[in-house]
N, C-alpha and C. Protein backbone atom coordinates (compact mmCIF):
# COMPACT_ATOMS: atom_id res chain seq x y z
N MET A 1 6.15 -16.48 -35.93
CA MET A 1 5.97 -17.29 -35.32
C MET A 1 5.05 -17.73 -34.15
N LEU A 2 4.58 -16.67 -33.86
CA LEU A 2 4.31 -16.35 -32.84
C LEU A 2 2.80 -16.66 -33.03
N GLU A 3 1.98 -15.88 -34.48
CA GLU A 3 0.35 -16.03 -34.76
C GLU A 3 -0.03 -17.41 -34.98
N PHE A 4 1.26 -18.62 -35.60
CA PHE A 4 0.51 -19.83 -35.39
C PHE A 4 0.73 -20.41 -34.89
N CYS A 5 0.80 -20.15 -33.03
CA CYS A 5 1.35 -21.12 -32.50
C CYS A 5 -0.70 -21.12 -31.90
N LYS A 6 -1.04 -22.65 -31.40
CA LYS A 6 -2.61 -22.24 -31.40
C LYS A 6 -2.49 -22.64 -29.43
N SER A 7 -1.28 -23.07 -28.63
CA SER A 7 -1.35 -23.46 -27.71
C SER A 7 -1.15 -22.89 -27.16
N GLU A 8 -2.09 -21.78 -25.80
CA GLU A 8 -1.84 -20.72 -25.51
C GLU A 8 -0.78 -21.25 -24.19
N GLU A 9 -0.22 -22.37 -23.77
CA GLU A 9 0.60 -23.02 -22.77
C GLU A 9 1.96 -22.30 -23.16
N PHE A 10 1.93 -22.65 -24.45
CA PHE A 10 3.11 -22.59 -24.92
C PHE A 10 3.50 -21.19 -25.45
N LEU A 11 2.50 -20.58 -25.61
CA LEU A 11 2.73 -18.91 -25.97
C LEU A 11 3.17 -18.30 -25.20
N ALA A 12 2.09 -18.71 -24.12
CA ALA A 12 2.06 -18.01 -22.20
C ALA A 12 4.27 -17.87 -21.60
N ALA A 13 4.83 -19.70 -22.27
CA ALA A 13 5.95 -19.64 -21.96
C ALA A 13 6.85 -18.87 -22.83
N ILE A 14 6.57 -19.00 -23.78
CA ILE A 14 7.53 -18.15 -24.72
C ILE A 14 7.91 -16.61 -24.08
N PHE A 15 6.46 -15.58 -23.80
CA PHE A 15 6.47 -14.22 -23.21
C PHE A 15 7.16 -14.45 -22.10
N VAL A 16 7.07 -15.12 -21.48
CA VAL A 16 7.83 -15.15 -20.22
C VAL A 16 9.53 -15.33 -20.58
N LEU A 17 9.91 -16.19 -21.73
CA LEU A 17 11.30 -16.47 -21.68
C LEU A 17 11.58 -15.20 -22.27
N LEU A 18 10.83 -14.83 -23.52
CA LEU A 18 11.25 -12.76 -24.68
C LEU A 18 11.58 -11.98 -23.06
N GLY A 19 10.65 -11.89 -21.87
CA GLY A 19 11.17 -11.40 -20.78
C GLY A 19 11.92 -11.30 -20.49
N GLN A 20 12.02 -12.37 -19.96
CA GLN A 20 13.58 -12.58 -19.26
C GLN A 20 14.89 -12.64 -20.15
N LEU A 21 15.09 -12.75 -21.24
CA LEU A 21 16.05 -12.54 -22.01
C LEU A 21 16.24 -11.14 -22.25
N GLY A 22 14.78 -10.42 -22.55
CA GLY A 22 15.30 -8.53 -22.49
C GLY A 22 15.63 -8.25 -21.33
N ARG A 23 15.35 -8.76 -20.23
CA ARG A 23 16.19 -7.97 -18.77
C ARG A 23 17.19 -8.38 -18.67
N PHE A 24 17.81 -9.70 -19.52
CA PHE A 24 19.98 -9.64 -19.91
C PHE A 24 20.07 -8.80 -20.33
N GLY A 25 19.76 -7.89 -21.64
CA GLY A 25 19.85 -6.85 -22.42
C GLY A 25 19.79 -5.74 -21.75
N ILE A 26 18.51 -5.55 -20.88
CA ILE A 26 18.85 -4.13 -19.75
C ILE A 26 20.09 -4.50 -19.25
N ASP A 27 19.88 -5.87 -18.16
CA ASP A 27 21.47 -5.29 -17.23
C ASP A 27 22.62 -5.18 -17.91
N ASP A 28 23.02 -5.43 -19.63
CA ASP A 28 23.95 -5.25 -20.10
C ASP A 28 24.33 -4.16 -20.14
N GLY A 29 23.29 -3.54 -21.33
CA GLY A 29 23.59 -2.51 -22.41
C GLY A 29 22.09 -0.95 -21.68
N GLY A 30 21.43 -1.29 -20.98
CA GLY A 30 20.23 0.05 -20.78
C GLY A 30 18.80 -0.46 -21.16
N TYR A 31 17.96 0.45 -20.90
CA TYR A 31 16.34 0.14 -21.63
C TYR A 31 16.70 0.76 -23.17
N GLN A 32 17.52 1.50 -23.10
CA GLN A 32 17.98 2.38 -24.29
C GLN A 32 18.26 1.59 -25.43
N GLN A 33 18.87 0.58 -25.11
CA GLN A 33 19.67 -0.47 -26.19
C GLN A 33 18.53 -0.98 -27.41
N THR A 34 19.87 -1.13 -28.00
CA THR A 34 18.62 -1.07 -29.58
C THR A 34 18.19 -2.66 -29.64
N GLY A 35 18.40 -4.16 -29.05
CA GLY A 35 17.96 -4.62 -28.88
C GLY A 35 16.65 -5.03 -28.46
N VAL A 36 16.62 -4.31 -27.44
CA VAL A 36 16.19 -4.21 -25.94
C VAL A 36 14.59 -3.64 -26.52
N ALA A 37 14.41 -2.25 -27.22
CA ALA A 37 13.95 -1.44 -27.76
C ALA A 37 13.10 -1.87 -28.86
N GLU A 38 14.20 -3.31 -29.69
CA GLU A 38 13.24 -3.42 -30.79
C GLU A 38 12.32 -4.46 -29.94
N LEU A 39 13.01 -5.74 -29.21
CA LEU A 39 12.09 -6.36 -28.66
C LEU A 39 10.90 -6.01 -27.87
N ARG A 40 11.35 -4.52 -27.45
CA ARG A 40 9.78 -3.79 -26.77
C ARG A 40 8.53 -3.82 -27.75
N CYS A 41 9.62 -3.12 -28.65
CA CYS A 41 8.53 -2.90 -29.85
C CYS A 41 7.14 -4.06 -30.51
N SER A 42 8.33 -5.80 -30.64
CA SER A 42 7.79 -6.35 -31.56
C SER A 42 6.73 -6.76 -30.13
N LEU A 43 7.46 -7.12 -28.49
CA LEU A 43 6.23 -6.89 -27.98
C LEU A 43 4.95 -7.03 -28.12
N SER A 44 5.35 -5.52 -27.79
CA SER A 44 4.01 -4.62 -27.85
C SER A 44 3.02 -4.49 -28.67
N ARG A 45 3.79 -5.33 -30.17
CA ARG A 45 2.77 -5.47 -31.24
C ARG A 45 2.29 -7.06 -30.80
N ILE A 46 3.43 -7.98 -30.30
CA ILE A 46 2.28 -9.31 -29.89
C ILE A 46 1.02 -8.90 -28.43
N LEU A 47 1.57 -7.98 -27.60
CA LEU A 47 0.38 -8.08 -26.98
C LEU A 47 -0.78 -7.31 -27.60
N GLU A 48 -0.65 -6.22 -28.66
CA GLU A 48 -2.03 -5.77 -29.18
C GLU A 48 -2.84 -6.92 -29.76
N ALA A 49 -2.13 -7.53 -30.34
CA ALA A 49 -2.32 -8.73 -31.52
C ALA A 49 -3.03 -9.98 -30.22
N SER A 50 -2.60 -10.12 -29.08
CA SER A 50 -3.44 -10.81 -28.16
C SER A 50 -4.82 -10.93 -27.41
N ILE A 51 -4.95 -9.29 -27.56
CA ILE A 51 -5.67 -8.41 -26.73
C ILE A 51 -7.00 -8.73 -27.77
N THR A 52 -6.48 -8.00 -29.32
CA THR A 52 -7.46 -8.13 -29.69
C THR A 52 -8.18 -9.73 -30.62
N GLU A 53 -6.93 -10.64 -30.46
CA GLU A 53 -7.93 -12.16 -30.49
C GLU A 53 -8.26 -12.79 -29.52
N LYS A 54 -8.27 -12.09 -28.39
CA LYS A 54 -9.19 -12.85 -27.11
C LYS A 54 -8.23 -13.76 -26.88
N ARG A 55 -6.72 -13.69 -26.86
CA ARG A 55 -6.39 -14.85 -25.82
C ARG A 55 -6.36 -15.39 -24.70
N SER A 56 -5.98 -16.07 -23.94
CA SER A 56 -6.31 -16.18 -22.53
C SER A 56 -6.13 -15.40 -22.12
N ILE A 57 -6.22 -15.17 -20.13
CA ILE A 57 -5.97 -14.06 -19.59
C ILE A 57 -4.56 -14.56 -19.04
N PRO A 58 -4.29 -16.10 -18.25
CA PRO A 58 -2.60 -16.37 -18.57
C PRO A 58 -2.06 -16.14 -19.44
N THR A 59 -2.51 -15.83 -21.22
CA THR A 59 -1.41 -15.60 -21.99
C THR A 59 -1.47 -14.11 -22.22
N GLN A 60 -2.17 -13.34 -21.73
CA GLN A 60 -2.49 -11.75 -21.84
C GLN A 60 -1.00 -11.68 -20.61
N PHE A 61 -1.56 -12.06 -19.06
CA PHE A 61 -0.75 -12.03 -18.47
C PHE A 61 0.21 -12.03 -18.83
N SER A 62 0.42 -13.18 -19.22
CA SER A 62 2.89 -13.29 -19.97
C SER A 62 2.76 -12.42 -20.64
N ALA A 63 2.39 -12.07 -22.05
CA ALA A 63 2.67 -10.75 -22.69
C ALA A 63 2.76 -9.39 -22.02
N VAL A 64 1.94 -9.17 -21.11
CA VAL A 64 1.97 -8.16 -20.44
C VAL A 64 3.16 -7.88 -19.20
N GLY A 65 3.47 -8.94 -18.77
CA GLY A 65 4.93 -9.04 -17.90
C GLY A 65 6.19 -9.21 -19.13
N ALA A 66 5.93 -9.61 -20.06
CA ALA A 66 7.38 -9.37 -20.51
C ALA A 66 7.32 -8.22 -20.97
N VAL A 67 6.32 -7.56 -21.50
CA VAL A 67 6.39 -5.89 -21.94
C VAL A 67 7.33 -5.22 -20.84
N LEU A 68 6.35 -5.64 -19.65
CA LEU A 68 6.32 -4.52 -18.26
C LEU A 68 8.51 -4.88 -17.71
N ASN A 69 8.91 -6.05 -18.25
CA ASN A 69 10.11 -6.37 -18.05
C ASN A 69 10.87 -5.68 -18.95
N LEU A 70 10.11 -5.02 -19.60
CA LEU A 70 11.25 -5.08 -20.94
C LEU A 70 10.91 -2.82 -20.62
N LEU A 71 10.43 -2.34 -18.81
CA LEU A 71 9.87 -1.19 -18.75
C LEU A 71 10.70 -0.60 -18.08
N PRO A 72 11.20 0.89 -17.82
CA PRO A 72 12.12 1.47 -16.49
C PRO A 72 11.21 1.69 -15.31
N PHE A 73 9.77 1.15 -15.24
CA PHE A 73 8.96 1.36 -14.24
C PHE A 73 7.93 -0.31 -13.62
N ASN A 74 7.85 0.20 -12.60
CA ASN A 74 6.47 -0.71 -12.02
C ASN A 74 5.24 -0.89 -12.31
N PHE A 75 4.79 -2.30 -11.91
CA PHE A 75 2.82 -2.50 -13.11
C PHE A 75 2.24 -0.91 -12.07
N GLU A 76 3.15 -1.25 -10.48
CA GLU A 76 1.71 0.08 -9.76
C GLU A 76 1.58 1.07 -10.27
N GLU A 77 3.20 1.57 -11.03
CA GLU A 77 3.14 3.15 -10.96
C GLU A 77 2.45 3.20 -12.35
N ILE A 78 2.57 2.33 -13.39
CA ILE A 78 1.80 1.74 -14.23
C ILE A 78 0.20 2.02 -14.45
N ALA A 79 -0.04 1.37 -13.48
CA ALA A 79 -1.65 0.80 -13.71
C ALA A 79 -2.35 1.87 -12.26
N GLY A 80 -1.94 1.83 -11.80
CA GLY A 80 -1.78 2.93 -10.38
C GLY A 80 -1.99 4.41 -10.97
N HIS A 81 -2.78 5.85 -10.44
CA HIS A 81 -3.16 6.55 -10.78
C HIS A 81 -1.95 7.81 -10.53
N ARG A 82 -0.51 7.36 -10.48
CA ARG A 82 0.59 8.37 -10.80
C ARG A 82 0.64 8.67 -11.55
N GLU A 83 1.17 10.04 -12.54
CA GLU A 83 1.31 10.22 -13.42
C GLU A 83 2.22 10.09 -14.29
N LEU A 84 2.71 9.45 -15.14
CA LEU A 84 4.47 9.59 -15.08
C LEU A 84 4.86 10.58 -16.31
N SER A 85 5.85 11.19 -16.63
CA SER A 85 6.55 11.32 -17.60
C SER A 85 6.33 11.00 -19.13
N GLN A 86 5.21 11.82 -19.74
CA GLN A 86 5.12 11.99 -21.31
C GLN A 86 6.05 12.00 -22.34
N ASP A 87 7.39 12.41 -21.95
CA ASP A 87 8.55 12.82 -22.51
C ASP A 87 9.43 10.85 -22.30
N ALA A 88 8.92 10.22 -21.92
CA ALA A 88 10.06 9.30 -21.89
C ALA A 88 9.40 8.50 -23.11
N SER A 89 10.38 7.95 -23.85
CA SER A 89 10.24 7.11 -24.97
C SER A 89 9.62 6.22 -24.83
N GLU A 90 9.41 5.44 -23.27
CA GLU A 90 8.07 4.51 -22.89
C GLU A 90 7.05 4.68 -23.44
N TYR A 91 6.83 5.84 -23.44
CA TYR A 91 5.22 6.18 -22.94
C TYR A 91 4.34 5.41 -24.12
N GLY A 92 4.29 5.14 -25.09
CA GLY A 92 3.20 4.38 -25.39
C GLY A 92 3.46 3.49 -24.90
N TYR A 93 4.05 2.19 -24.52
CA TYR A 93 4.76 0.94 -23.76
C TYR A 93 3.37 1.32 -22.67
N VAL A 94 3.31 2.26 -21.77
CA VAL A 94 3.33 2.72 -20.73
C VAL A 94 1.76 2.42 -20.72
N MET A 95 1.23 3.64 -21.65
CA MET A 95 -0.49 3.91 -22.18
C MET A 95 -1.12 2.68 -22.52
N GLN A 96 -0.48 1.10 -23.24
CA GLN A 96 -0.57 0.43 -24.08
C GLN A 96 -1.11 -0.67 -22.82
N VAL A 97 0.08 -0.60 -21.62
CA VAL A 97 -0.80 -1.62 -20.76
C VAL A 97 -1.57 -0.68 -19.74
N LYS A 98 -1.76 0.84 -19.56
CA LYS A 98 -2.50 0.90 -19.11
C LYS A 98 -4.14 1.08 -19.24
N LYS A 99 -3.73 0.73 -20.92
CA LYS A 99 -5.36 0.43 -21.50
C LYS A 99 -5.73 -1.26 -21.74
N TRP A 100 -4.66 -2.19 -21.32
CA TRP A 100 -5.24 -3.63 -21.29
C TRP A 100 -5.60 -3.65 -19.99
N PHE A 101 -5.34 -2.94 -18.66
CA PHE A 101 -5.32 -3.00 -17.44
C PHE A 101 -6.76 -2.52 -17.33
N SER A 102 -7.35 -1.82 -18.20
CA SER A 102 -8.44 -0.57 -17.48
C SER A 102 -9.51 -1.72 -18.83
N HIS A 103 -9.64 -2.85 -18.95
CA HIS A 103 -10.67 -3.24 -19.66
C HIS A 103 -10.59 -5.14 -18.98
N LEU A 104 -9.53 -5.05 -18.06
CA LEU A 104 -9.44 -6.04 -16.72
C LEU A 104 -10.93 -6.24 -16.01
N SER A 105 -11.46 -6.78 -15.43
CA SER A 105 -13.01 -6.97 -14.96
C SER A 105 -11.84 -6.57 -13.27
N MET A 106 -12.58 -6.33 -12.55
CA MET A 106 -11.98 -5.53 -10.63
C MET A 106 -11.36 -7.22 -10.25
N GLU A 107 -11.89 -8.48 -10.52
CA GLU A 107 -11.27 -9.76 -9.87
C GLU A 107 -9.56 -9.89 -10.86
N GLN A 108 -9.61 -9.30 -12.13
CA GLN A 108 -8.72 -9.75 -13.25
C GLN A 108 -7.15 -8.72 -12.69
N GLN A 109 -8.21 -7.19 -12.39
CA GLN A 109 -7.32 -6.23 -12.01
C GLN A 109 -6.67 -6.48 -10.60
N ALA A 110 -7.49 -7.13 -9.42
CA ALA A 110 -6.49 -7.62 -8.19
C ALA A 110 -5.53 -8.15 -8.51
N MET A 111 -5.77 -9.24 -9.44
CA MET A 111 -5.16 -10.71 -9.89
C MET A 111 -3.81 -10.17 -10.18
N SER A 112 -4.06 -8.83 -11.39
CA SER A 112 -3.23 -8.47 -11.85
C SER A 112 -1.90 -8.06 -11.01
N PHE A 113 -3.05 -7.06 -9.37
CA PHE A 113 -1.46 -6.75 -8.49
C PHE A 113 -0.25 -7.16 -8.27
N ASP A 114 -1.24 -8.36 -7.77
CA ASP A 114 -0.94 -9.51 -7.17
C ASP A 114 0.33 -10.20 -8.30
N LEU A 115 0.30 -10.30 -9.71
CA LEU A 115 0.91 -11.59 -10.18
C LEU A 115 2.13 -10.32 -9.65
N PHE A 116 2.13 -9.19 -10.63
CA PHE A 116 3.21 -8.13 -10.71
C PHE A 116 3.74 -7.23 -9.81
N ARG A 117 3.61 -7.76 -8.47
CA ARG A 117 4.09 -7.01 -7.52
C ARG A 117 5.57 -7.00 -7.65
């Protein structure tokens, strides 16, 4: 469904909604609950596609925010220079967010810290 969405605003809203729905699942059953893990995986694939398709920065921020909602780490831990355990099942998602962050301009990086604080 998301691949056919041409409206960046609508797509960004969907990401925000999915991230919030995922938080409800985490509150109910934890980070490793099957539904949460599947949603995290799906959002990760969508995030990767939104980066390679050069979606707008607000859409990318919304996708990253949705993924962050499903991780047990905050953005400062991920994007900062803090070393996170490679044993965590979420390590691949953490690395994806780090990779996304590294491709942003300095201004966009500063905005992302303000947004995800």
